[in-house]
C-alpha cells in the first residue's frame, strides 16, 4: 500500500500526532522522523506544513493551551471588598475566576505533563497561549493589581500550576509511614496524618498553595486602596 498523500496532512493533524508522541514517549521522543512514522508518511512531507521543530512546538502549545477554559477569567467582575476572601466570607469574583482558571490550567498539563519540559523555557508565540496570559493579566488588573504586580502574580501562578502538574509529591514516598519513623520521625508523622485524611494529597497541596497565593494577592490589593 502506498503512503498517504500530502492532502491527508494538516498542521492540526501533525500537532495532534506530535502530542500523542510526547504523551507516550516523553519530550525527547519527539523527532521529525518519529512523527513521520506515527503518521505513516516520509519526514520530508511534514515540511510542507511546518517549517521545522520550532513551528511544530508552537502548534503543540496551541493545541494544549486550547484545552484551558478561559471563560472564568471573563466572568469575574471586580475585586470585591478587601478581605472578603477569608474563610466564612463570600469570595470576590476575581478570586473565584482565577481559581477556576488555575484548576483548568493545571488539569490540562496533568493530562500532558511531558509537554512542560518542551514549553518551559521557550518563547511564547502560540496565539492561544498569548490569549490566556492576556486574559489573566486583564482579570488581575480589574481586580486592582498594578500592571507590574499582575505580571509577578501571573509568573507565580505559572510556577505553581506547572510545578504541581509536573511533580507528584505523594508518589515519592512509597513505603509505609512506619518505615520512615526511625530516621525521619517528622516525615513519618506527616505522611501518617495526611493518609488519615484520605487520598488526594497532591490535589490538597495544590489547593492550599493556590489559596495562599490568592490570599497574598488579596492583601496586596487591599494595600493599594
N, C-alpha and C. Protein backbone atom coordinates (compact mmCIF):
# COMPACT_ATOMS: atom_id res chain seq x y z
N UNK A 1 0.85 -1.19 0.00
CA UNK A 1 0.00 0.00 0.00
C UNK A 1 0.89 1.24 0.00
N UNK A 2 0.56 2.23 -0.83
CA UNK A 2 1.36 3.44 -0.90
C UNK A 2 1.14 4.31 0.31
N UNK A 3 2.04 5.28 0.48
CA UNK A 3 1.91 6.20 1.61
C UNK A 3 0.76 7.18 1.34
N UNK A 4 0.14 7.72 2.38
CA UNK A 4 -0.93 8.70 2.19
C UNK A 4 -0.41 9.92 1.46
N UNK A 5 -1.26 10.58 0.71
CA UNK A 5 -0.86 11.79 0.01
C UNK A 5 -0.76 12.94 1.00
N UNK A 6 -0.10 14.03 0.59
CA UNK A 6 0.08 15.17 1.48
C UNK A 6 -1.25 15.82 1.84
N UNK A 7 -2.31 15.54 1.01
CA UNK A 7 -3.63 16.12 1.30
C UNK A 7 -4.20 15.62 2.62
N UNK A 8 -3.69 14.48 3.10
CA UNK A 8 -4.17 13.94 4.36
C UNK A 8 -3.53 14.61 5.57
N UNK A 9 -2.54 15.44 5.33
CA UNK A 9 -1.85 16.13 6.42
C UNK A 9 -2.35 17.56 6.55
N UNK A 10 -2.27 18.06 7.76
CA UNK A 10 -2.52 19.47 8.05
C UNK A 10 -1.74 19.81 9.31
N UNK A 11 -1.62 21.08 9.62
CA UNK A 11 -0.91 21.48 10.84
C UNK A 11 -1.56 20.87 12.07
N UNK A 12 -2.89 20.86 12.09
CA UNK A 12 -3.58 20.33 13.27
C UNK A 12 -3.37 18.82 13.40
N UNK A 13 -3.46 18.11 12.29
CA UNK A 13 -3.24 16.66 12.33
C UNK A 13 -1.83 16.35 12.80
N UNK A 14 -0.87 17.12 12.29
CA UNK A 14 0.53 16.92 12.69
C UNK A 14 0.71 17.23 14.17
N UNK A 15 0.09 18.33 14.63
CA UNK A 15 0.22 18.71 16.04
C UNK A 15 -0.40 17.66 16.96
N UNK A 16 -1.54 17.12 16.58
CA UNK A 16 -2.18 16.09 17.42
C UNK A 16 -1.34 14.83 17.47
N UNK A 17 -0.73 14.48 16.35
CA UNK A 17 0.15 13.31 16.34
C UNK A 17 1.38 13.58 17.21
N UNK A 18 1.91 14.81 17.14
CA UNK A 18 3.06 15.18 17.96
C UNK A 18 2.72 15.09 19.44
N UNK A 19 1.52 15.51 19.81
CA UNK A 19 1.10 15.43 21.21
C UNK A 19 1.01 13.97 21.66
N UNK A 20 0.52 13.11 20.80
CA UNK A 20 0.47 11.68 21.13
C UNK A 20 1.87 11.12 21.36
N UNK A 21 2.81 11.53 20.50
CA UNK A 21 4.19 11.06 20.63
C UNK A 21 4.78 11.51 21.96
N UNK A 22 4.59 12.79 22.29
CA UNK A 22 5.14 13.33 23.55
C UNK A 22 4.47 12.68 24.76
N UNK A 23 3.16 12.51 24.71
CA UNK A 23 2.45 11.87 25.82
C UNK A 23 2.97 10.47 26.08
N UNK A 24 3.27 9.75 25.00
CA UNK A 24 3.66 8.34 25.14
C UNK A 24 5.16 8.15 25.36
N UNK A 25 5.97 9.00 24.74
CA UNK A 25 7.42 8.75 24.73
C UNK A 25 8.25 9.84 25.40
N UNK A 26 7.62 10.88 25.92
CA UNK A 26 8.36 11.94 26.58
C UNK A 26 8.87 12.97 25.60
N UNK A 27 9.38 14.10 26.11
CA UNK A 27 9.82 15.19 25.23
C UNK A 27 10.95 14.80 24.31
N UNK A 28 11.85 13.93 24.76
CA UNK A 28 12.97 13.53 23.90
C UNK A 28 12.52 12.62 22.77
N UNK A 29 11.33 12.07 22.88
CA UNK A 29 10.84 11.18 21.83
C UNK A 29 10.29 11.90 20.62
N UNK A 30 10.12 13.23 20.73
CA UNK A 30 9.56 13.98 19.61
C UNK A 30 10.65 14.38 18.63
N UNK A 31 10.75 13.65 17.55
CA UNK A 31 11.62 13.99 16.43
C UNK A 31 10.78 13.99 15.17
N UNK A 32 11.26 14.64 14.14
CA UNK A 32 10.51 14.67 12.89
C UNK A 32 10.37 13.26 12.32
N UNK A 33 11.39 12.45 12.50
CA UNK A 33 11.31 11.07 12.00
C UNK A 33 10.26 10.27 12.77
N UNK A 34 10.26 10.41 14.10
CA UNK A 34 9.27 9.68 14.90
C UNK A 34 7.86 10.14 14.56
N UNK A 35 7.71 11.44 14.32
CA UNK A 35 6.40 11.98 13.98
C UNK A 35 5.94 11.47 12.62
N UNK A 36 6.86 11.44 11.66
CA UNK A 36 6.52 10.92 10.33
C UNK A 36 6.12 9.45 10.41
N UNK A 37 6.84 8.68 11.20
CA UNK A 37 6.49 7.27 11.37
C UNK A 37 5.10 7.13 11.98
N UNK A 38 4.78 8.01 12.92
CA UNK A 38 3.47 7.96 13.56
C UNK A 38 2.36 8.21 12.54
N UNK A 39 2.63 9.11 11.61
CA UNK A 39 1.63 9.49 10.63
C UNK A 39 1.65 8.62 9.38
N UNK A 40 2.69 7.78 9.26
CA UNK A 40 2.81 6.93 8.09
C UNK A 40 3.21 7.67 6.83
N UNK A 41 4.03 8.70 6.99
CA UNK A 41 4.50 9.48 5.85
C UNK A 41 6.01 9.62 5.92
N UNK A 42 6.59 10.19 4.87
CA UNK A 42 8.01 10.50 4.89
C UNK A 42 8.23 11.80 5.66
N UNK A 43 9.36 11.87 6.34
CA UNK A 43 9.64 13.06 7.15
C UNK A 43 9.62 14.33 6.31
N UNK A 44 10.08 14.24 5.07
CA UNK A 44 10.14 15.42 4.21
C UNK A 44 8.76 16.01 3.97
N UNK A 45 7.72 15.18 3.99
CA UNK A 45 6.37 15.68 3.71
C UNK A 45 5.85 16.57 4.83
N UNK A 46 6.40 16.43 6.03
CA UNK A 46 5.96 17.28 7.14
C UNK A 46 6.31 18.74 6.89
N UNK A 47 7.39 18.96 6.16
CA UNK A 47 7.86 20.33 5.95
C UNK A 47 6.99 21.09 4.95
N UNK A 48 6.02 20.42 4.35
CA UNK A 48 5.03 21.14 3.55
C UNK A 48 4.03 21.87 4.44
N UNK A 49 4.02 21.54 5.72
CA UNK A 49 3.03 22.10 6.65
C UNK A 49 3.66 22.82 7.83
N UNK A 50 4.84 22.42 8.26
CA UNK A 50 5.57 23.11 9.33
C UNK A 50 7.00 23.32 8.86
N UNK A 51 7.56 24.46 9.21
CA UNK A 51 8.91 24.78 8.73
C UNK A 51 10.00 24.04 9.49
N UNK A 52 9.67 23.56 10.67
CA UNK A 52 10.68 22.86 11.47
C UNK A 52 10.19 22.63 12.88
N UNK A 53 11.11 22.27 13.76
CA UNK A 53 10.75 21.90 15.13
C UNK A 53 10.13 23.06 15.89
N UNK A 54 10.65 24.28 15.70
CA UNK A 54 10.10 25.42 16.44
C UNK A 54 8.63 25.65 16.09
N UNK A 55 8.31 25.62 14.82
CA UNK A 55 6.92 25.83 14.42
C UNK A 55 6.04 24.68 14.90
N UNK A 56 6.59 23.49 14.90
CA UNK A 56 5.86 22.33 15.41
C UNK A 56 5.53 22.52 16.89
N UNK A 57 6.49 23.00 17.67
CA UNK A 57 6.25 23.21 19.10
C UNK A 57 5.23 24.33 19.34
N UNK A 58 5.24 25.34 18.47
CA UNK A 58 4.21 26.38 18.59
C UNK A 58 2.82 25.79 18.36
N UNK A 59 2.70 24.90 17.37
CA UNK A 59 1.42 24.25 17.10
C UNK A 59 1.01 23.35 18.27
N UNK A 60 1.99 22.71 18.87
CA UNK A 60 1.73 21.85 20.02
C UNK A 60 1.26 22.69 21.21
N UNK A 61 1.90 23.83 21.42
CA UNK A 61 1.49 24.73 22.51
C UNK A 61 0.08 25.24 22.27
N UNK A 62 -0.24 25.54 21.04
CA UNK A 62 -1.60 25.99 20.69
C UNK A 62 -2.62 24.93 21.06
N UNK A 63 -2.30 23.69 20.75
CA UNK A 63 -3.22 22.58 20.99
C UNK A 63 -3.46 22.35 22.48
N UNK A 64 -2.38 22.31 23.26
CA UNK A 64 -2.53 22.06 24.70
C UNK A 64 -3.23 23.22 25.38
N UNK A 65 -2.85 24.44 25.03
CA UNK A 65 -3.46 25.60 25.67
C UNK A 65 -4.92 25.79 25.29
N UNK A 66 -5.33 25.23 24.15
CA UNK A 66 -6.74 25.28 23.77
C UNK A 66 -7.61 24.46 24.71
N UNK A 67 -7.00 23.56 25.49
CA UNK A 67 -7.75 22.76 26.46
C UNK A 67 -8.06 23.54 27.74
N UNK A 68 -7.46 24.72 27.89
CA UNK A 68 -7.66 25.52 29.10
C UNK A 68 -8.85 26.46 28.91
N UNK A 69 -9.80 26.38 29.81
CA UNK A 69 -11.00 27.22 29.74
C UNK A 69 -10.69 28.62 30.26
N UNK A 70 -10.86 29.62 29.41
CA UNK A 70 -10.58 31.00 29.81
C UNK A 70 -11.83 31.74 30.28
N UNK A 71 -12.99 31.13 30.15
CA UNK A 71 -14.22 31.85 30.50
C UNK A 71 -14.30 32.26 31.97
N UNK A 72 -13.72 31.51 32.92
CA UNK A 72 -13.78 32.00 34.31
C UNK A 72 -13.11 33.36 34.49
N UNK A 73 -12.12 33.67 33.67
CA UNK A 73 -11.44 34.96 33.79
C UNK A 73 -12.32 36.08 33.29
N UNK A 74 -13.11 35.80 32.27
CA UNK A 74 -14.01 36.82 31.74
C UNK A 74 -15.21 37.02 32.65
N UNK A 75 -15.57 35.98 33.41
CA UNK A 75 -16.77 36.03 34.24
C UNK A 75 -16.61 36.92 35.46
N UNK A 76 -15.35 37.04 35.96
CA UNK A 76 -15.18 37.83 37.18
C UNK A 76 -15.37 39.30 36.85
N UNK A 77 -15.89 40.06 37.81
CA UNK A 77 -16.27 41.44 37.53
C UNK A 77 -15.56 42.47 38.38
N UNK A 78 -14.78 42.04 39.36
CA UNK A 78 -14.12 43.05 40.17
C UNK A 78 -13.48 42.49 41.39
N UNK A 79 -12.94 43.35 42.22
CA UNK A 79 -12.17 42.91 43.36
C UNK A 79 -12.96 42.63 44.62
N UNK A 80 -14.22 43.06 44.67
CA UNK A 80 -14.98 42.82 45.89
C UNK A 80 -14.40 43.61 47.05
N UNK A 81 -14.91 43.35 48.24
CA UNK A 81 -14.42 44.04 49.43
C UNK A 81 -13.11 43.41 49.89
N UNK A 82 -12.11 44.21 50.21
CA UNK A 82 -10.86 43.66 50.72
C UNK A 82 -11.12 42.73 51.89
N UNK A 83 -10.50 41.57 51.85
CA UNK A 83 -10.62 40.63 52.95
C UNK A 83 -11.82 39.72 52.84
N UNK A 84 -12.66 39.90 51.79
CA UNK A 84 -13.85 39.05 51.70
C UNK A 84 -13.55 37.64 51.26
N UNK A 85 -12.25 37.36 50.94
CA UNK A 85 -11.87 36.00 50.62
C UNK A 85 -11.51 35.17 51.83
N UNK A 86 -11.69 35.74 53.03
CA UNK A 86 -11.34 35.00 54.23
C UNK A 86 -12.34 33.88 54.47
N UNK A 87 -11.92 32.81 55.19
CA UNK A 87 -12.84 31.72 55.47
C UNK A 87 -14.13 32.22 56.10
N UNK A 88 -15.25 31.68 55.62
CA UNK A 88 -16.55 32.07 56.15
C UNK A 88 -17.19 33.22 55.42
N UNK A 89 -16.43 33.93 54.54
CA UNK A 89 -17.00 35.03 53.78
C UNK A 89 -17.07 34.69 52.32
N UNK A 90 -17.93 35.41 51.59
CA UNK A 90 -18.04 35.17 50.15
C UNK A 90 -16.79 35.67 49.46
N UNK A 91 -16.26 34.87 48.56
CA UNK A 91 -15.06 35.28 47.86
C UNK A 91 -15.40 36.29 46.78
N UNK A 92 -14.56 37.30 46.56
CA UNK A 92 -14.79 38.22 45.44
C UNK A 92 -14.70 37.45 44.13
N UNK A 93 -15.38 37.97 43.12
CA UNK A 93 -15.47 37.26 41.84
C UNK A 93 -14.10 36.99 41.23
N UNK A 94 -13.16 37.92 41.40
CA UNK A 94 -11.87 37.71 40.76
C UNK A 94 -11.18 36.49 41.33
N UNK A 95 -11.31 36.26 42.63
CA UNK A 95 -10.67 35.08 43.24
C UNK A 95 -11.28 33.79 42.69
N UNK A 96 -12.59 33.77 42.61
CA UNK A 96 -13.27 32.58 42.09
C UNK A 96 -12.85 32.32 40.66
N UNK A 97 -12.82 33.37 39.85
CA UNK A 97 -12.45 33.21 38.45
C UNK A 97 -11.02 32.74 38.26
N UNK A 98 -10.09 33.36 38.97
CA UNK A 98 -8.69 32.97 38.85
C UNK A 98 -8.48 31.55 39.36
N UNK A 99 -9.16 31.19 40.45
CA UNK A 99 -9.02 29.83 40.99
C UNK A 99 -9.55 28.79 40.00
N UNK A 100 -10.69 29.06 39.39
CA UNK A 100 -11.24 28.12 38.41
C UNK A 100 -10.32 28.00 37.20
N UNK A 101 -9.80 29.13 36.75
CA UNK A 101 -8.85 29.11 35.64
C UNK A 101 -7.61 28.30 35.99
N UNK A 102 -7.07 28.51 37.20
CA UNK A 102 -5.86 27.81 37.62
C UNK A 102 -6.08 26.31 37.67
N UNK A 103 -7.24 25.89 38.14
CA UNK A 103 -7.54 24.45 38.19
C UNK A 103 -7.62 23.86 36.79
N UNK A 104 -8.23 24.59 35.87
CA UNK A 104 -8.31 24.11 34.50
C UNK A 104 -6.95 24.10 33.82
N UNK A 105 -6.14 25.10 34.10
CA UNK A 105 -4.77 25.20 33.58
C UNK A 105 -3.98 23.99 34.05
N UNK A 106 -4.06 23.71 35.35
CA UNK A 106 -3.33 22.56 35.89
C UNK A 106 -3.84 21.25 35.29
N UNK A 107 -5.15 21.12 35.16
CA UNK A 107 -5.71 19.87 34.63
C UNK A 107 -5.20 19.58 33.22
N UNK A 108 -5.07 20.63 32.40
CA UNK A 108 -4.57 20.43 31.04
C UNK A 108 -3.16 19.86 31.05
N UNK A 109 -2.32 20.37 31.95
CA UNK A 109 -0.93 19.90 31.98
C UNK A 109 -0.76 18.63 32.80
N UNK A 110 -1.70 18.32 33.68
CA UNK A 110 -1.69 16.99 34.31
C UNK A 110 -1.97 15.93 33.24
N UNK A 111 -2.82 16.28 32.27
CA UNK A 111 -3.08 15.35 31.16
C UNK A 111 -1.88 15.21 30.25
N UNK A 112 -1.07 16.26 30.15
CA UNK A 112 0.06 16.26 29.22
C UNK A 112 1.34 16.73 29.92
N UNK A 113 1.77 16.07 30.99
CA UNK A 113 2.92 16.57 31.76
C UNK A 113 4.23 16.58 30.97
N UNK A 114 4.35 15.71 29.98
CA UNK A 114 5.60 15.66 29.21
C UNK A 114 5.81 16.89 28.35
N UNK A 115 4.76 17.68 28.14
CA UNK A 115 4.93 18.90 27.33
C UNK A 115 5.56 20.03 28.13
N UNK A 116 5.52 19.94 29.45
CA UNK A 116 6.02 21.05 30.27
C UNK A 116 7.48 21.34 29.98
N UNK A 117 8.29 20.29 29.89
CA UNK A 117 9.71 20.49 29.60
C UNK A 117 9.93 21.11 28.23
N UNK A 118 9.03 20.84 27.28
CA UNK A 118 9.16 21.41 25.95
C UNK A 118 8.84 22.90 25.93
N UNK A 119 7.90 23.33 26.78
CA UNK A 119 7.44 24.71 26.75
C UNK A 119 8.13 25.61 27.77
N UNK A 120 8.73 25.02 28.81
CA UNK A 120 9.14 25.79 29.99
C UNK A 120 10.06 26.96 29.66
N UNK A 121 11.02 26.78 28.78
CA UNK A 121 11.99 27.84 28.51
C UNK A 121 11.91 28.36 27.07
N UNK A 122 10.76 28.13 26.43
CA UNK A 122 10.57 28.62 25.07
C UNK A 122 9.88 29.99 25.09
N UNK A 123 10.06 30.72 24.01
CA UNK A 123 9.31 31.95 23.85
C UNK A 123 7.83 31.61 23.73
N UNK A 124 6.99 32.55 24.09
CA UNK A 124 5.54 32.35 23.99
C UNK A 124 5.07 32.97 22.67
N UNK A 125 4.66 32.12 21.74
CA UNK A 125 4.24 32.58 20.42
C UNK A 125 2.85 32.08 20.03
N UNK A 126 2.41 30.96 20.59
CA UNK A 126 1.11 30.40 20.21
C UNK A 126 0.00 31.38 20.58
N UNK A 127 -0.92 31.61 19.65
CA UNK A 127 -1.98 32.61 19.86
C UNK A 127 -2.82 32.30 21.09
N UNK A 128 -3.16 31.03 21.28
CA UNK A 128 -3.99 30.67 22.43
C UNK A 128 -3.24 30.88 23.74
N UNK A 129 -1.94 30.65 23.72
CA UNK A 129 -1.11 30.86 24.90
C UNK A 129 -1.07 32.35 25.25
N UNK A 130 -0.86 33.18 24.23
CA UNK A 130 -0.84 34.63 24.44
C UNK A 130 -2.20 35.13 24.93
N UNK A 131 -3.27 34.58 24.37
CA UNK A 131 -4.61 34.97 24.78
C UNK A 131 -4.85 34.63 26.25
N UNK A 132 -4.35 33.48 26.69
CA UNK A 132 -4.50 33.08 28.08
C UNK A 132 -3.81 34.04 29.03
N UNK A 133 -2.57 34.41 28.70
CA UNK A 133 -1.86 35.36 29.55
C UNK A 133 -2.56 36.72 29.55
N UNK A 134 -3.03 37.15 28.39
CA UNK A 134 -3.69 38.45 28.30
C UNK A 134 -4.97 38.45 29.14
N UNK A 135 -5.74 37.36 29.06
CA UNK A 135 -6.98 37.28 29.84
C UNK A 135 -6.70 37.27 31.34
N UNK A 136 -5.65 36.55 31.75
CA UNK A 136 -5.30 36.50 33.16
C UNK A 136 -4.86 37.87 33.65
N UNK A 137 -4.00 38.53 32.90
CA UNK A 137 -3.49 39.84 33.32
C UNK A 137 -4.61 40.88 33.34
N UNK A 138 -5.54 40.79 32.40
CA UNK A 138 -6.68 41.70 32.41
C UNK A 138 -7.55 41.48 33.64
N UNK A 139 -7.77 40.21 33.99
CA UNK A 139 -8.57 39.90 35.17
C UNK A 139 -7.90 40.41 36.44
N UNK A 140 -6.59 40.22 36.54
CA UNK A 140 -5.87 40.69 37.72
C UNK A 140 -5.87 42.21 37.78
N UNK A 141 -5.79 42.85 36.62
CA UNK A 141 -5.86 44.30 36.59
C UNK A 141 -7.22 44.82 37.05
N UNK A 142 -8.28 44.18 36.59
CA UNK A 142 -9.63 44.58 37.03
C UNK A 142 -9.80 44.36 38.53
N UNK A 143 -9.11 43.36 39.06
CA UNK A 143 -9.20 43.09 40.49
C UNK A 143 -8.54 44.17 41.33
N UNK A 144 -7.64 44.94 40.70
CA UNK A 144 -7.00 46.03 41.43
C UNK A 144 -5.49 45.96 41.50
N UNK A 145 -4.88 44.97 40.86
CA UNK A 145 -3.42 44.88 40.86
C UNK A 145 -2.82 45.83 39.83
N UNK A 146 -1.73 46.49 40.20
CA UNK A 146 -0.98 47.28 39.24
C UNK A 146 -0.36 46.36 38.20
N UNK A 147 -0.05 46.87 37.00
CA UNK A 147 0.48 46.00 35.94
C UNK A 147 1.71 45.20 36.35
N UNK A 148 2.65 45.83 37.06
CA UNK A 148 3.85 45.09 37.47
C UNK A 148 3.50 43.99 38.47
N UNK A 149 2.58 44.30 39.39
CA UNK A 149 2.15 43.29 40.36
C UNK A 149 1.40 42.15 39.66
N UNK A 150 0.60 42.50 38.66
CA UNK A 150 -0.14 41.47 37.91
C UNK A 150 0.82 40.55 37.18
N UNK A 151 1.90 41.12 36.61
CA UNK A 151 2.89 40.29 35.92
C UNK A 151 3.55 39.32 36.89
N UNK A 152 3.90 39.81 38.10
CA UNK A 152 4.51 38.93 39.10
C UNK A 152 3.52 37.86 39.55
N UNK A 153 2.26 38.22 39.68
CA UNK A 153 1.24 37.24 40.07
C UNK A 153 1.06 36.17 39.00
N UNK A 154 1.09 36.58 37.73
CA UNK A 154 0.96 35.60 36.64
C UNK A 154 2.15 34.66 36.63
N UNK A 155 3.34 35.20 36.89
CA UNK A 155 4.53 34.35 36.96
C UNK A 155 4.41 33.36 38.12
N UNK A 156 3.96 33.84 39.28
CA UNK A 156 3.80 32.96 40.44
C UNK A 156 2.79 31.86 40.16
N UNK A 157 1.70 32.20 39.48
CA UNK A 157 0.69 31.20 39.16
C UNK A 157 1.24 30.16 38.19
N UNK A 158 2.06 30.60 37.24
CA UNK A 158 2.72 29.66 36.32
C UNK A 158 3.57 28.65 37.10
N UNK A 159 4.39 29.17 38.02
CA UNK A 159 5.26 28.27 38.79
C UNK A 159 4.43 27.26 39.58
N UNK A 160 3.36 27.75 40.17
CA UNK A 160 2.51 26.89 40.98
C UNK A 160 1.83 25.81 40.13
N UNK A 161 1.22 26.23 39.04
CA UNK A 161 0.46 25.30 38.21
C UNK A 161 1.37 24.28 37.54
N UNK A 162 2.41 24.76 36.87
CA UNK A 162 3.25 23.84 36.10
C UNK A 162 4.09 22.96 37.02
N UNK A 163 4.55 23.52 38.14
CA UNK A 163 5.31 22.70 39.08
C UNK A 163 4.46 21.59 39.67
N UNK A 164 3.22 21.91 40.02
CA UNK A 164 2.36 20.89 40.62
C UNK A 164 1.90 19.87 39.59
N UNK A 165 1.80 20.28 38.33
CA UNK A 165 1.42 19.32 37.28
C UNK A 165 2.56 18.37 36.96
N UNK A 166 3.79 18.85 37.12
CA UNK A 166 4.96 18.05 36.77
C UNK A 166 5.36 17.09 37.87
N UNK A 167 5.27 17.55 39.13
CA UNK A 167 5.76 16.75 40.25
C UNK A 167 4.61 16.14 41.04
N UNK A 168 4.72 14.87 41.36
CA UNK A 168 3.77 14.20 42.23
C UNK A 168 4.44 13.98 43.58
N UNK A 169 4.11 14.81 44.55
CA UNK A 169 4.75 14.74 45.87
C UNK A 169 4.51 13.40 46.53
N UNK A 170 3.26 12.96 46.53
CA UNK A 170 2.91 11.75 47.28
C UNK A 170 3.56 10.50 46.72
N UNK A 171 3.80 10.47 45.41
CA UNK A 171 4.39 9.27 44.80
C UNK A 171 5.84 9.07 45.22
N UNK A 172 6.46 10.11 45.76
CA UNK A 172 7.85 9.98 46.18
C UNK A 172 8.03 9.19 47.46
N UNK A 173 6.95 8.94 48.16
CA UNK A 173 7.03 8.24 49.45
C UNK A 173 6.19 6.97 49.36
N UNK A 174 6.78 5.94 48.81
CA UNK A 174 6.04 4.72 48.53
C UNK A 174 6.01 3.71 49.67
N UNK A 175 6.83 3.95 50.69
CA UNK A 175 6.87 2.99 51.81
C UNK A 175 5.82 3.35 52.86
N UNK A 176 5.41 2.40 53.68
CA UNK A 176 4.52 2.71 54.80
C UNK A 176 5.17 3.74 55.73
N UNK A 177 4.37 4.58 56.33
CA UNK A 177 4.90 5.65 57.19
C UNK A 177 5.80 5.12 58.29
N UNK A 178 5.48 3.97 58.86
CA UNK A 178 6.27 3.42 59.96
C UNK A 178 7.70 3.12 59.55
N UNK A 179 7.93 2.83 58.30
CA UNK A 179 9.29 2.53 57.85
C UNK A 179 10.19 3.76 57.84
N UNK A 180 9.60 4.95 57.78
CA UNK A 180 10.38 6.19 57.83
C UNK A 180 10.64 6.64 59.27
N UNK A 181 9.85 6.12 60.21
CA UNK A 181 9.84 6.67 61.57
C UNK A 181 11.20 6.63 62.28
N UNK A 182 11.99 5.54 62.17
CA UNK A 182 13.26 5.51 62.93
C UNK A 182 14.20 6.67 62.60
N UNK A 183 14.34 6.97 61.33
CA UNK A 183 15.28 8.04 60.96
C UNK A 183 14.63 9.37 60.68
N UNK A 184 13.35 9.36 60.34
CA UNK A 184 12.67 10.59 59.91
C UNK A 184 11.29 10.68 60.58
N UNK A 185 11.27 10.90 61.88
CA UNK A 185 10.00 10.85 62.62
C UNK A 185 8.99 11.91 62.19
N UNK A 186 9.46 13.11 61.87
CA UNK A 186 8.53 14.17 61.45
C UNK A 186 7.88 13.81 60.11
N UNK A 187 8.69 13.26 59.20
CA UNK A 187 8.16 12.83 57.91
C UNK A 187 7.12 11.73 58.10
N UNK A 188 7.44 10.76 58.94
CA UNK A 188 6.51 9.65 59.18
C UNK A 188 5.19 10.16 59.75
N UNK A 189 5.29 11.07 60.71
CA UNK A 189 4.07 11.61 61.32
C UNK A 189 3.22 12.38 60.32
N UNK A 190 3.87 13.16 59.46
CA UNK A 190 3.13 13.95 58.47
C UNK A 190 2.46 13.05 57.44
N UNK A 191 3.18 12.03 56.98
CA UNK A 191 2.61 11.11 56.00
C UNK A 191 1.43 10.34 56.59
N UNK A 192 1.57 9.96 57.83
CA UNK A 192 0.50 9.22 58.50
C UNK A 192 -0.75 10.09 58.65
N UNK A 193 -0.54 11.34 59.06
CA UNK A 193 -1.67 12.25 59.24
C UNK A 193 -2.33 12.58 57.91
N UNK A 194 -1.51 12.76 56.87
CA UNK A 194 -2.06 13.05 55.54
C UNK A 194 -2.87 11.87 55.02
N UNK A 195 -2.36 10.66 55.24
CA UNK A 195 -3.08 9.46 54.79
C UNK A 195 -4.42 9.33 55.50
N UNK A 196 -4.48 9.79 56.75
CA UNK A 196 -5.73 9.70 57.51
C UNK A 196 -6.81 10.59 56.91
N UNK A 197 -6.40 11.60 56.18
CA UNK A 197 -7.37 12.48 55.51
C UNK A 197 -7.87 11.89 54.20
N UNK A 198 -7.28 10.80 53.78
CA UNK A 198 -7.73 10.14 52.56
C UNK A 198 -6.81 10.45 51.39
N UNK A 199 -7.09 9.88 50.22
CA UNK A 199 -6.27 10.12 49.04
C UNK A 199 -6.40 11.56 48.57
N UNK A 200 -5.50 11.97 47.69
CA UNK A 200 -5.59 13.32 47.13
C UNK A 200 -4.66 14.32 47.78
N UNK A 201 -3.54 13.84 48.33
CA UNK A 201 -2.59 14.76 48.97
C UNK A 201 -2.09 15.81 47.98
N UNK A 202 -1.77 15.40 46.77
CA UNK A 202 -1.25 16.35 45.78
C UNK A 202 -2.29 17.43 45.45
N UNK A 203 -3.54 17.02 45.30
CA UNK A 203 -4.60 17.98 45.00
C UNK A 203 -4.82 18.93 46.18
N UNK A 204 -4.78 18.40 47.39
CA UNK A 204 -4.95 19.26 48.57
C UNK A 204 -3.77 20.23 48.70
N UNK A 205 -2.58 19.75 48.39
CA UNK A 205 -1.42 20.63 48.43
C UNK A 205 -1.53 21.76 47.42
N UNK A 206 -2.02 21.43 46.21
CA UNK A 206 -2.22 22.47 45.20
C UNK A 206 -3.25 23.48 45.66
N UNK A 207 -4.36 23.00 46.20
CA UNK A 207 -5.41 23.91 46.65
C UNK A 207 -4.92 24.81 47.78
N UNK A 208 -4.09 24.27 48.67
CA UNK A 208 -3.52 25.09 49.75
C UNK A 208 -2.63 26.18 49.16
N UNK A 209 -1.75 25.82 48.25
CA UNK A 209 -0.85 26.80 47.65
C UNK A 209 -1.63 27.85 46.87
N UNK A 210 -2.65 27.42 46.15
CA UNK A 210 -3.47 28.37 45.40
C UNK A 210 -4.17 29.34 46.33
N UNK A 211 -4.72 28.82 47.42
CA UNK A 211 -5.41 29.68 48.39
C UNK A 211 -4.44 30.69 49.01
N UNK A 212 -3.24 30.24 49.35
CA UNK A 212 -2.25 31.15 49.93
C UNK A 212 -1.84 32.23 48.93
N UNK A 213 -1.70 31.85 47.66
CA UNK A 213 -1.37 32.84 46.63
C UNK A 213 -2.49 33.87 46.51
N UNK A 214 -3.72 33.41 46.45
CA UNK A 214 -4.85 34.33 46.33
C UNK A 214 -4.98 35.22 47.57
N UNK A 215 -4.71 34.66 48.75
CA UNK A 215 -4.73 35.47 49.97
C UNK A 215 -3.68 36.58 49.90
N UNK A 216 -2.50 36.23 49.40
CA UNK A 216 -1.44 37.23 49.27
C UNK A 216 -1.82 38.32 48.29
N UNK A 217 -2.44 37.94 47.18
CA UNK A 217 -2.86 38.94 46.20
C UNK A 217 -3.98 39.81 46.75
N UNK A 218 -4.89 39.20 47.52
CA UNK A 218 -5.96 39.97 48.15
C UNK A 218 -5.38 41.02 49.10
N UNK A 219 -4.37 40.63 49.86
CA UNK A 219 -3.71 41.57 50.77
C UNK A 219 -3.01 42.68 50.00
N UNK A 220 -2.37 42.32 48.88
CA UNK A 220 -1.68 43.33 48.07
C UNK A 220 -2.69 44.34 47.51
N UNK A 221 -3.82 43.86 47.04
CA UNK A 221 -4.85 44.75 46.51
C UNK A 221 -5.37 45.68 47.61
N UNK A 222 -5.58 45.13 48.81
CA UNK A 222 -6.10 45.94 49.92
C UNK A 222 -5.15 47.08 50.27
N UNK A 223 -3.85 46.85 50.13
CA UNK A 223 -2.87 47.89 50.46
C UNK A 223 -2.91 49.06 49.49
N UNK A 224 -3.43 48.84 48.30
CA UNK A 224 -3.44 49.90 47.29
C UNK A 224 -4.72 50.72 47.34
N UNK A 225 -5.63 50.39 48.25
CA UNK A 225 -6.93 51.08 48.29
C UNK A 225 -6.98 52.09 49.42
